[in-house]
Amino acid sequence: MYWSILSTVLVFALYFYFTRTLKYWKHKNVKGPKPIPVFGNFKDVALRRKAKVTLYNEIYKQYPEEKVVGLYQMTSPTLLIRDLDIVKQVLIKDFNLFPDRGMYFSKKGLGENIIHCDAETWKILRNQFTVLFTSSKFKKMFQILDDRGDKFANYVKFFTKNQTEQDVFNLVFKYGVSTSIVTAFGLDVDTFKNESDWFDILDKSFINSYLLELDLLFPGLLTKMNLSITIGETKNICHQILKTCLNKENTCYKTNVLNVKDVLNNLRSDNKNAEQMNKESNPTIEITDDLLAGQVWAFHMAGYINNTLSMTYTLYHLARNQDIQDKLRKEIHEVMKKCNGTLTYELLKEMKYLKMVFYETLRINPPTHALTRHLRESLKLEGMDLTIDKGSTVVMCPYAIQHDEKYYPEPEKFNPERFSSENAKQQHPCAFLSFGGGPRGCFAPQYAQLQFGVGISKLLNKFRVETSRNTCSQLTYDPYHVLVKPAPAVLLKFIALDM
């Protein structure tokens, strides 16, 4: 009898806990899909049946007349923003109220990286890192990128000699990792020869952990229990890279790199400088090796996004649009002829169509599922009779916005001309969110474009990319991946050009 009563009470208590928030948006008169206990609207995502980006896009399309949509990530109320003026309010105008991304996990488990850290830590780190990404530094390191681009083209030539059809992601992953690790940290790790398995292991850290859903059910659990969304090996490898990077004898490039290692050294050892920075920006943070290792992970993730995914998607679209590929290759050949077939920083900047292809790829295939912001104070949304409460989470889905025909006619069509200088000026400033937006957006889009430009130029200068019978006719996305990665794999043929 006693156990029966206790069991009944426990069941009712759990039911109450897992349904307590599920009328939150209804009480605020915000439309949205009906949630279910425990999962909210995230059942397919939680069970890895569907990628987050796919779910957000479906919900976005279901409410074409709404400025915002109320949904539930498990039991956590979340506001999906559709209106671009409200997007601008969140990311830019009222950024001081939305400085956090709301995804916190163990500081000892790489949680203090510049991508996920709280606003106070982010401000200090950003002040240090933004000075790295200048045109003068890009110009100085171009020779290194050019060398990696040549090695990449030779690597592709070797692998496609007997088998023209290749998994594109696996090919360009080598280039993405190689350029990031050498330009950021000065480490000459030849990924084309598989000299290290570091990065294959780090790649596993981008697999969605079920701890994310657990944190949505029990907000704050990851930090309270000191849990991390990354696997244990990831932390160890980031510490190994950090140690190698900070050991000057182990760096092959003393100059012509971004000198991230110098920033990390300053953060760790120059206490007076750190203290002065803290005094000027109010918050203080403890500079630990775990914090520094977190930045190694963040830079790897950024390089992974900027190179591997963007180049994979670009090659897919170029293979399916041979006229665009021919036009781009013609530009590459004509520009490179000015310097006897070689590539320079100045010549790369002349390739206007290459830049348009880059941005159109990111429009169709943004790398992130959503931009998430956490509200610090209650706020009334512009143009609406709606006040969202302190502690609320809002999300913006770049994919959904950038596939909205209101902003991009024929959104599924790959059309680089959308980003001609004339057409780009006509767009709403928040209609393109692949680099985020506002102060907490990507702080190095030019760096991403530079890495991309070198890799694509070197490749198309020597190869034609074509579809095969195994090439997917429509892209779908990996529900297990933290980023918007294609699944199944993108398979294309690489045909060497007669030079």
Foldseek 3Di string as FASTA:
>chain_A
DVVVVVVVVVVVVQQCLQCVQQCVVVVQVAAFDRQDGQAWQNPCLLVQVAALLVSLLVRCVVCVPDQWHWTARRRAIAIEGQHLVLLCCCFAVVVVQWVAQQDAAFLLQLRLALQHHGNLSVVLVCVLQLVLFDPVLCQLQLVVLLVLLLVLQVLLCVVQVPPQKDQQLVSQLQSLQQVLLCQQQQARDRVSVPNDCLVVLLQVQQFFDSVVSVCSSPPPVRHVVRHDSGDPVNLVSLLVSLVLSLPVVRHPDPDSHSPNNVSLCCLPPVVVVQVVSCVVSVHHDDNDSSSSSSNSSVSSVVSSQLTSALLQQLLLQCQVPVVLLVVQLVLLQVLCVVVVNGDHPVSLVVSQLLVLSSQLSCLQFQWASWRKTFGQAWDDRPPDPGIDGHGHMYIYGSNSLSQDCVQPNPSVDRDSVCPDVVNVVPGDPSSHASQHHHPSGNSHVVVSSSSNSSNVSSQSNFWDKHADPPADPDWGARSRGRIGDTPPGGMIGTHTDDD
